[in-house]
Amino acid sequence: MKTIDTLIRAAYPLIYIVTYEEKRVEACIKDVATERNRQFLTWSCIDGIVRNNTSNESTKDPLAALDYVSGFREPAVFAFMDFHPFMDDPIAERAC
């Protein structure tokens, strides 16, 4: 958790984590976001952006989700689950 906290405080725009413990890492990131007074939102291609347990159906498409993030104006941390297959798209890669 300390490393994630350090990277978020350092304002890294993107942190790439490979893990088999998705729920554990998600909980860790959420804890850090909460400690830093930031909202915590997740994304998956199944649910789209999820904010406060509410799914935004229009953000299931990865490019729509990235567009949503770029327009988000509140302090927040986004966790994108299983985004790596979409990184083969040069538009998605550039948008990150």
N, C-alpha and C. Protein backbone atom coordinates (compact mmCIF):
# COMPACT_ATOMS: atom_id res chain seq x y z
N MET A 1 0.83 -1.19 0.00
CA MET A 1 0.00 0.00 0.00
C MET A 1 0.87 1.25 0.00
N LYS A 2 2.00 1.19 0.66
CA LYS A 2 2.87 2.36 0.74
C LYS A 2 3.34 2.80 -0.64
N THR A 3 3.68 1.85 -1.49
CA THR A 3 4.14 2.19 -2.84
C THR A 3 3.02 2.85 -3.64
N ILE A 4 1.81 2.31 -3.56
CA ILE A 4 0.68 2.91 -4.28
C ILE A 4 0.42 4.31 -3.77
N ASP A 5 0.46 4.49 -2.46
CA ASP A 5 0.26 5.82 -1.88
C ASP A 5 1.32 6.79 -2.39
N THR A 6 2.56 6.36 -2.41
CA THR A 6 3.66 7.22 -2.89
C THR A 6 3.44 7.63 -4.34
N LEU A 7 3.06 6.68 -5.18
CA LEU A 7 2.84 6.98 -6.60
C LEU A 7 1.67 7.92 -6.81
N ILE A 8 0.61 7.74 -6.04
CA ILE A 8 -0.55 8.65 -6.16
C ILE A 8 -0.18 10.04 -5.67
N ARG A 9 0.53 10.14 -4.56
CA ARG A 9 0.95 11.46 -4.06
C ARG A 9 1.90 12.14 -5.03
N ALA A 10 2.69 11.36 -5.76
CA ALA A 10 3.62 11.91 -6.75
C ALA A 10 2.92 12.30 -8.05
N ALA A 11 1.62 12.09 -8.10
CA ALA A 11 0.78 12.48 -9.25
C ALA A 11 1.12 11.74 -10.53
N TYR A 12 1.49 10.47 -10.38
CA TYR A 12 1.68 9.65 -11.58
C TYR A 12 0.34 9.56 -12.30
N PRO A 13 0.30 9.88 -13.57
CA PRO A 13 -0.99 9.85 -14.27
C PRO A 13 -1.49 8.44 -14.56
N LEU A 14 -0.56 7.47 -14.57
CA LEU A 14 -0.93 6.09 -14.88
C LEU A 14 -0.04 5.15 -14.09
N ILE A 15 -0.67 4.22 -13.40
CA ILE A 15 0.06 3.19 -12.66
C ILE A 15 -0.46 1.86 -13.18
N TYR A 16 0.43 1.02 -13.69
CA TYR A 16 0.04 -0.26 -14.27
C TYR A 16 0.40 -1.36 -13.29
N ILE A 17 -0.60 -2.10 -12.84
CA ILE A 17 -0.39 -3.15 -11.85
C ILE A 17 -0.88 -4.48 -12.44
N VAL A 18 -0.01 -5.47 -12.43
CA VAL A 18 -0.39 -6.82 -12.85
C VAL A 18 -0.49 -7.65 -11.58
N THR A 19 -1.65 -8.28 -11.38
CA THR A 19 -1.85 -9.05 -10.16
C THR A 19 -2.91 -10.13 -10.36
N TYR A 20 -2.80 -11.17 -9.56
CA TYR A 20 -3.84 -12.18 -9.49
C TYR A 20 -4.79 -11.89 -8.32
N GLU A 21 -4.46 -10.87 -7.55
CA GLU A 21 -5.24 -10.50 -6.37
C GLU A 21 -6.00 -9.20 -6.62
N GLU A 22 -6.87 -9.22 -7.62
CA GLU A 22 -7.56 -8.01 -8.04
C GLU A 22 -8.31 -7.33 -6.90
N LYS A 23 -9.09 -8.08 -6.16
CA LYS A 23 -9.90 -7.49 -5.08
C LYS A 23 -9.02 -6.88 -3.99
N ARG A 24 -7.92 -7.53 -3.69
CA ARG A 24 -7.02 -7.01 -2.65
C ARG A 24 -6.37 -5.70 -3.10
N VAL A 25 -5.90 -5.66 -4.33
CA VAL A 25 -5.28 -4.44 -4.85
C VAL A 25 -6.32 -3.33 -4.99
N GLU A 26 -7.51 -3.69 -5.45
CA GLU A 26 -8.60 -2.71 -5.57
C GLU A 26 -8.90 -2.09 -4.20
N ALA A 27 -8.98 -2.92 -3.17
CA ALA A 27 -9.24 -2.42 -1.82
C ALA A 27 -8.12 -1.49 -1.34
N CYS A 28 -6.89 -1.85 -1.67
CA CYS A 28 -5.74 -1.03 -1.30
C CYS A 28 -5.80 0.34 -1.98
N ILE A 29 -6.09 0.34 -3.27
CA ILE A 29 -6.18 1.60 -4.01
C ILE A 29 -7.33 2.44 -3.47
N LYS A 30 -8.44 1.81 -3.18
CA LYS A 30 -9.60 2.53 -2.62
C LYS A 30 -9.24 3.16 -1.28
N ASP A 31 -8.52 2.42 -0.42
CA ASP A 31 -8.09 2.96 0.87
C ASP A 31 -7.20 4.19 0.69
N VAL A 32 -6.26 4.11 -0.23
CA VAL A 32 -5.37 5.23 -0.49
C VAL A 32 -6.16 6.43 -1.01
N ALA A 33 -7.07 6.19 -1.94
CA ALA A 33 -7.90 7.28 -2.48
C ALA A 33 -8.71 7.95 -1.37
N THR A 34 -9.28 7.14 -0.50
CA THR A 34 -10.07 7.68 0.61
C THR A 34 -9.20 8.51 1.54
N GLU A 35 -8.00 8.00 1.87
CA GLU A 35 -7.08 8.74 2.73
C GLU A 35 -6.66 10.07 2.11
N ARG A 36 -6.62 10.12 0.80
CA ARG A 36 -6.21 11.32 0.07
C ARG A 36 -7.41 12.20 -0.33
N ASN A 37 -8.58 11.88 0.21
CA ASN A 37 -9.80 12.64 -0.09
C ASN A 37 -10.11 12.69 -1.57
N ARG A 38 -9.97 11.55 -2.22
CA ARG A 38 -10.28 11.44 -3.65
C ARG A 38 -11.37 10.39 -3.83
N GLN A 39 -12.17 10.61 -4.85
CA GLN A 39 -13.16 9.61 -5.18
C GLN A 39 -12.46 8.40 -5.78
N PHE A 40 -13.08 7.25 -5.65
CA PHE A 40 -12.55 6.03 -6.23
C PHE A 40 -13.57 5.48 -7.20
N LEU A 41 -13.18 5.34 -8.45
CA LEU A 41 -14.05 4.82 -9.49
C LEU A 41 -13.35 3.67 -10.18
N THR A 42 -14.13 2.70 -10.63
CA THR A 42 -13.56 1.57 -11.35
C THR A 42 -14.14 1.51 -12.75
N TRP A 43 -13.47 0.76 -13.61
CA TRP A 43 -13.96 0.52 -14.97
C TRP A 43 -13.73 -0.94 -15.33
N SER A 44 -14.71 -1.50 -16.01
CA SER A 44 -14.55 -2.79 -16.68
C SER A 44 -15.40 -2.74 -17.94
N CYS A 45 -15.08 -3.59 -18.88
CA CYS A 45 -15.86 -3.60 -20.13
C CYS A 45 -17.26 -4.14 -19.90
N ILE A 46 -17.49 -4.78 -18.78
CA ILE A 46 -18.82 -5.29 -18.44
C ILE A 46 -19.69 -4.20 -17.83
N ASP A 47 -19.13 -3.42 -16.91
CA ASP A 47 -19.91 -2.42 -16.17
C ASP A 47 -19.69 -0.98 -16.62
N GLY A 48 -18.62 -0.70 -17.33
CA GLY A 48 -18.27 0.68 -17.62
C GLY A 48 -17.73 1.32 -16.35
N ILE A 49 -17.76 2.65 -16.29
CA ILE A 49 -17.30 3.36 -15.09
C ILE A 49 -18.33 3.14 -13.99
N VAL A 50 -17.84 2.75 -12.81
CA VAL A 50 -18.71 2.56 -11.65
C VAL A 50 -18.32 3.60 -10.61
N ARG A 51 -19.31 4.38 -10.23
CA ARG A 51 -19.12 5.44 -9.22
C ARG A 51 -20.21 5.27 -8.17
N ASN A 52 -19.80 5.11 -6.92
CA ASN A 52 -20.75 4.92 -5.82
C ASN A 52 -21.72 3.77 -6.11
N ASN A 53 -21.17 2.67 -6.58
CA ASN A 53 -21.94 1.46 -6.89
C ASN A 53 -22.96 1.64 -8.00
N THR A 54 -22.81 2.70 -8.79
CA THR A 54 -23.71 2.95 -9.92
C THR A 54 -22.90 2.88 -11.21
N SER A 55 -23.34 2.02 -12.11
CA SER A 55 -22.66 1.82 -13.38
C SER A 55 -23.11 2.84 -14.41
N ASN A 56 -22.15 3.37 -15.17
CA ASN A 56 -22.44 4.28 -16.27
C ASN A 56 -22.34 3.46 -17.56
N GLU A 57 -23.48 3.01 -18.05
CA GLU A 57 -23.53 2.12 -19.21
C GLU A 57 -22.85 2.71 -20.45
N SER A 58 -22.87 4.03 -20.57
CA SER A 58 -22.31 4.66 -21.77
C SER A 58 -20.79 4.63 -21.80
N THR A 59 -20.16 4.15 -20.73
CA THR A 59 -18.69 4.13 -20.67
C THR A 59 -18.13 2.72 -20.78
N LYS A 60 -18.90 1.76 -21.25
CA LYS A 60 -18.37 0.41 -21.43
C LYS A 60 -17.29 0.37 -22.49
N ASP A 61 -17.44 1.16 -23.52
CA ASP A 61 -16.42 1.27 -24.56
C ASP A 61 -15.17 1.91 -23.96
N PRO A 62 -13.99 1.32 -24.16
CA PRO A 62 -12.79 1.87 -23.53
C PRO A 62 -12.48 3.31 -23.92
N LEU A 63 -12.73 3.68 -25.16
CA LEU A 63 -12.46 5.07 -25.56
C LEU A 63 -13.45 6.03 -24.90
N ALA A 64 -14.69 5.61 -24.75
CA ALA A 64 -15.68 6.44 -24.04
C ALA A 64 -15.28 6.60 -22.57
N ALA A 65 -14.74 5.53 -21.99
CA ALA A 65 -14.30 5.59 -20.60
C ALA A 65 -13.12 6.55 -20.44
N LEU A 66 -12.17 6.48 -21.35
CA LEU A 66 -11.03 7.41 -21.29
C LEU A 66 -11.47 8.85 -21.49
N ASP A 67 -12.45 9.05 -22.35
CA ASP A 67 -13.01 10.39 -22.56
C ASP A 67 -13.68 10.88 -21.28
N TYR A 68 -14.39 10.00 -20.60
CA TYR A 68 -15.03 10.33 -19.33
C TYR A 68 -13.98 10.77 -18.30
N VAL A 69 -12.89 10.01 -18.23
CA VAL A 69 -11.82 10.33 -17.28
C VAL A 69 -11.22 11.69 -17.60
N SER A 70 -10.97 11.96 -18.87
CA SER A 70 -10.33 13.24 -19.24
C SER A 70 -11.23 14.42 -18.93
N GLY A 71 -12.54 14.22 -18.87
CA GLY A 71 -13.45 15.30 -18.55
C GLY A 71 -13.82 15.38 -17.08
N PHE A 72 -13.34 14.45 -16.27
CA PHE A 72 -13.68 14.39 -14.85
C PHE A 72 -12.90 15.48 -14.12
N ARG A 73 -13.58 16.32 -13.37
CA ARG A 73 -12.93 17.48 -12.76
C ARG A 73 -12.78 17.40 -11.24
N GLU A 74 -13.22 16.33 -10.63
CA GLU A 74 -13.10 16.18 -9.19
C GLU A 74 -11.86 15.34 -8.88
N PRO A 75 -11.25 15.53 -7.71
CA PRO A 75 -10.10 14.69 -7.35
C PRO A 75 -10.54 13.22 -7.29
N ALA A 76 -9.86 12.38 -8.03
CA ALA A 76 -10.29 10.98 -8.12
C ALA A 76 -9.14 10.07 -8.50
N VAL A 77 -9.36 8.79 -8.21
CA VAL A 77 -8.48 7.73 -8.65
C VAL A 77 -9.36 6.73 -9.39
N PHE A 78 -8.96 6.39 -10.60
CA PHE A 78 -9.68 5.43 -11.42
C PHE A 78 -8.89 4.13 -11.49
N ALA A 79 -9.58 3.02 -11.31
CA ALA A 79 -8.95 1.71 -11.48
C ALA A 79 -9.60 1.04 -12.68
N PHE A 80 -8.83 0.82 -13.73
CA PHE A 80 -9.32 0.16 -14.93
C PHE A 80 -8.94 -1.31 -14.86
N MET A 81 -9.95 -2.17 -14.82
CA MET A 81 -9.73 -3.60 -14.73
C MET A 81 -9.64 -4.19 -16.15
N ASP A 82 -8.69 -5.03 -16.37
CA ASP A 82 -8.57 -5.75 -17.66
C ASP A 82 -8.52 -4.82 -18.87
N PHE A 83 -7.83 -3.73 -18.75
CA PHE A 83 -7.74 -2.78 -19.86
C PHE A 83 -6.67 -3.18 -20.88
N HIS A 84 -5.74 -4.03 -20.48
CA HIS A 84 -4.59 -4.34 -21.32
C HIS A 84 -4.93 -4.83 -22.73
N PRO A 85 -6.02 -5.59 -22.97
CA PRO A 85 -6.29 -6.00 -24.36
C PRO A 85 -6.60 -4.81 -25.27
N PHE A 86 -7.09 -3.74 -24.69
CA PHE A 86 -7.46 -2.57 -25.49
C PHE A 86 -6.25 -1.69 -25.82
N MET A 87 -5.12 -1.97 -25.18
CA MET A 87 -3.92 -1.19 -25.45
C MET A 87 -3.34 -1.49 -26.83
N ASP A 88 -3.82 -2.53 -27.49
CA ASP A 88 -3.39 -2.81 -28.87
C ASP A 88 -3.99 -1.80 -29.85
N ASP A 89 -5.03 -1.09 -29.42
CA ASP A 89 -5.64 -0.05 -30.24
C ASP A 89 -4.79 1.21 -30.10
N PRO A 90 -4.21 1.70 -31.21
CA PRO A 90 -3.34 2.88 -31.10
C PRO A 90 -4.06 4.11 -30.56
N ILE A 91 -5.35 4.22 -30.80
CA ILE A 91 -6.10 5.37 -30.27
C ILE A 91 -6.21 5.26 -28.76
N ALA A 92 -6.52 4.09 -28.24
CA ALA A 92 -6.60 3.89 -26.79
C ALA A 92 -5.23 4.09 -26.15
N GLU A 93 -4.19 3.59 -26.79
CA GLU A 93 -2.84 3.74 -26.25
C GLU A 93 -2.46 5.22 -26.18
N ARG A 94 -2.77 5.96 -27.20
CA ARG A 94 -2.44 7.39 -27.22
C ARG A 94 -3.27 8.16 -26.21
N ALA A 95 -4.52 7.75 -26.04
CA ALA A 95 -5.42 8.45 -25.10
C ALA A 95 -4.97 8.28 -23.66
N CYS A 96 -4.28 7.19 -23.36
CA CYS A 96 -3.80 6.96 -21.99
C CYS A 96 -2.67 7.92 -21.69
